[in-house]
Every structure is written in C-alpha cells, then in structure tokens.
Amino acid sequence: MTDAPLPEDPRDALIREQAERLAVQDRQLVQVAVQAEQIAVLEAMVADLRERLDAALRALSRNSGNSSMPPSSDDRRGRRPPRRERRAAERAAGKKKQGKQPGSPGASMTWEVPGPHRGPLPRGCLRMRARPGGRR
C-alpha cells in the first residue's frame, strides 16, 4: 500500500471557511461593543463640555448693563461694555429724545390748596393758617 494522501473532502473546506467567518464575526461584535462604550463616554464628555462652554459664554457676556455687577467690573479683559452708543445713536437719528415721550401720560407732583370741598384741614394747617404770615 502506498501512503498517498487522501483527497480532501470539499465539505471540510466549507466547514473550515465557515468557522473562520464565525471567528471574524465574534471579533467584530466585541469591537462594536467596545466602540459603543467609547461612544457613550465621549457623548457624556461632549454634553459636559457644552454645558461648561454655555456657562462660560454667559459669564463672559455679563456686564453692568445686563446684570447686577458693578460698573467697575466692565473694564476686565474679555468683557464687553454696555451698549450705550446704540441709545445715543438713536437719539442722534431723531428716533428717541430724552425725557417724556410723545403720547405717554405725564406725571407730576402738583401743589393743591385744599378748599372747602376737600374736607377738614389737618391740625397743623389750622394753626398756621390762623396766624398772619403763616408764622408762629
């Protein structure tokens, strides 16, 4: 008898091929799971950094015109001063003048002398009124 190698069964080759494919799929599934964990960690970091950036931008945009900060803090590096030039430009353009605006109700503290229809005068007023010249 001769030691001739037996011919390989084609089914054995298919089984080996299938086993290699399953091993590759297992490695890919492990890699996908690791990447999913990394993505979750990175998304949490991005959310935290966005919150910190928003807080920093809010703090940077504050000045004495839009918060309760003192005007002396407006000259710090990176801070924008209040927008006073816009209001001055509106007045210069004739859009808005200082003081009472046309059409708005006026308010004043006028002196009214109480008359007979107003009721009794306070005690101090009666004494002052009784003396000539209003003096004691």
Protein backbone atom coordinates (compact mmCIF):
# COMPACT_ATOMS: atom_id res chain seq x y z
CA MET A 1 0.00 0.00 0.00
CA THR A 2 1.10 3.47 -0.69
CA ASP A 3 0.99 6.39 1.61
CA ALA A 4 -0.88 8.63 -0.73
CA PRO A 5 -2.76 11.47 0.92
CA LEU A 6 -6.46 11.12 0.86
CA PRO A 7 -8.28 13.65 -1.22
CA GLU A 8 -9.76 16.45 0.88
CA ASP A 9 -13.46 16.43 1.26
CA PRO A 10 -14.96 19.71 -0.09
CA ARG A 11 -17.29 19.79 2.90
CA ASP A 12 -14.32 20.00 5.27
CA ALA A 13 -13.08 23.09 3.43
CA LEU A 14 -16.53 24.70 3.73
CA ILE A 15 -16.65 23.89 7.45
CA ARG A 16 -13.22 25.48 7.99
CA GLU A 17 -14.25 28.53 5.99
CA GLN A 18 -17.44 28.88 8.00
CA ALA A 19 -15.52 28.58 11.30
CA GLU A 20 -13.13 31.34 10.19
CA ARG A 21 -16.07 33.58 9.29
CA LEU A 22 -17.68 32.97 12.69
CA ALA A 23 -14.40 33.83 14.44
CA VAL A 24 -14.17 37.09 12.44
CA GLN A 25 -17.80 37.93 13.33
CA ASP A 26 -17.11 37.31 17.02
CA ARG A 27 -14.11 39.66 16.91
CA GLN A 28 -16.20 42.29 15.13
CA LEU A 29 -19.01 42.01 17.71
CA VAL A 30 -16.51 42.53 20.53
CA GLN A 31 -15.03 45.52 18.70
CA VAL A 32 -18.52 47.03 18.14
CA ALA A 33 -19.35 46.64 21.85
CA VAL A 34 -16.08 48.36 22.85
CA GLN A 35 -16.76 51.19 20.38
CA ALA A 36 -20.32 51.60 21.69
CA GLU A 37 -18.95 52.06 25.22
CA GLN A 38 -16.41 54.59 23.95
CA ILE A 39 -19.12 56.50 22.10
CA ALA A 40 -21.27 56.67 25.24
CA VAL A 41 -18.33 58.03 27.26
CA LEU A 42 -17.49 60.59 24.56
CA GLU A 43 -21.13 61.73 24.29
CA ALA A 44 -21.21 62.33 28.05
CA MET A 45 -17.98 64.32 27.79
CA VAL A 46 -19.36 66.42 24.93
CA ALA A 47 -22.55 67.19 26.89
CA ASP A 48 -20.47 68.25 29.91
CA LEU A 49 -18.20 70.43 27.77
CA ARG A 50 -21.22 72.07 26.09
CA GLU A 51 -22.67 72.97 29.50
CA ARG A 52 -19.34 74.39 30.62
CA LEU A 53 -18.99 76.39 27.40
CA ASP A 54 -22.51 77.81 27.75
CA ALA A 55 -21.79 78.83 31.35
CA ALA A 56 -18.51 80.46 30.32
CA LEU A 57 -20.18 82.38 27.47
CA ARG A 58 -22.95 83.56 29.81
CA ALA A 59 -20.41 84.75 32.36
CA LEU A 60 -18.36 86.48 29.68
CA SER A 61 -21.36 88.32 28.23
CA ARG A 62 -22.43 89.77 31.60
CA ASN A 63 -21.71 93.43 32.27
CA SER A 64 -23.12 96.19 34.41
CA GLY A 65 -25.81 96.89 31.82
CA ASN A 66 -27.42 93.46 31.88
CA SER A 67 -26.67 92.17 35.39
CA SER A 68 -26.17 93.37 38.94
CA MET A 69 -22.41 93.66 38.52
CA PRO A 70 -20.77 96.97 39.45
CA PRO A 71 -19.61 99.20 36.58
CA SER A 72 -16.01 98.84 37.75
CA SER A 73 -16.02 95.22 36.55
CA ASP A 74 -16.77 96.26 32.95
CA ASP A 75 -13.14 97.05 32.17
CA ARG A 76 -11.94 93.49 32.80
CA ARG A 77 -10.29 91.70 29.93
CA GLY A 78 -12.77 89.92 27.66
CA ARG A 79 -15.87 91.77 28.90
CA ARG A 80 -17.99 93.80 26.57
CA PRO A 81 -19.11 97.21 27.83
CA PRO A 82 -22.84 98.04 27.98
CA ARG A 83 -24.34 99.23 24.74
CA ARG A 84 -24.68 102.93 25.40
CA GLU A 85 -23.64 104.01 21.93
CA ARG A 86 -26.79 102.47 20.42
CA ARG A 87 -29.08 104.63 22.54
CA ALA A 88 -27.04 107.74 21.80
CA ALA A 89 -27.17 106.91 18.09
CA GLU A 90 -30.98 106.55 18.25
CA ARG A 91 -31.29 109.96 19.88
CA ALA A 92 -28.97 111.49 17.29
CA ALA A 93 -31.02 109.97 14.49
CA GLY A 94 -34.17 111.58 15.91
CA LYS A 95 -35.84 108.33 16.85
CA LYS A 96 -35.99 108.95 20.57
CA LYS A 97 -35.44 112.04 22.65
CA GLN A 98 -34.60 112.21 26.33
CA GLY A 99 -37.43 112.77 28.77
CA LYS A 100 -41.14 112.19 28.37
CA GLN A 101 -42.04 110.64 25.05
CA PRO A 102 -44.93 111.98 22.98
CA GLY A 103 -48.17 110.17 23.70
CA SER A 104 -47.20 108.82 27.10
CA PRO A 105 -49.13 110.04 30.15
CA GLY A 106 -47.39 112.73 32.13
CA ALA A 107 -46.69 112.51 35.84
CA SER A 108 -46.11 115.46 38.13
CA MET A 109 -46.48 116.38 41.76
CA THR A 110 -48.64 119.50 41.73
CA TRP A 111 -49.43 121.60 44.77
CA GLU A 112 -53.11 121.67 45.53
CA VAL A 113 -54.60 124.07 48.05
CA PRO A 114 -57.37 122.26 49.89
CA GLY A 115 -60.65 124.03 49.54
CA PRO A 116 -63.96 123.72 51.34
CA HIS A 117 -64.94 120.77 49.19
CA ARG A 118 -61.84 118.78 50.24
CA GLY A 119 -62.77 118.18 53.87
CA PRO A 120 -61.20 119.31 57.13
CA LEU A 121 -57.62 120.55 57.28
CA PRO A 122 -55.00 118.79 59.40
CA ARG A 123 -54.34 120.28 62.86
CA GLY A 124 -51.01 121.84 61.96
CA CYS A 125 -52.52 123.63 58.99
CA LEU A 126 -55.22 125.27 61.10
CA ARG A 127 -52.67 126.76 63.47
CA MET A 128 -50.51 128.03 60.65
CA ARG A 129 -53.47 129.48 58.85
CA ALA A 130 -54.72 131.36 61.90
CA ARG A 131 -51.53 133.41 62.26
CA PRO A 132 -50.77 136.25 59.89
CA GLY A 133 -47.97 135.40 57.52
CA GLY A 134 -48.20 131.73 58.45
CA ARG A 135 -45.60 132.03 61.26
CA ARG A 136 -45.81 131.21 64.95
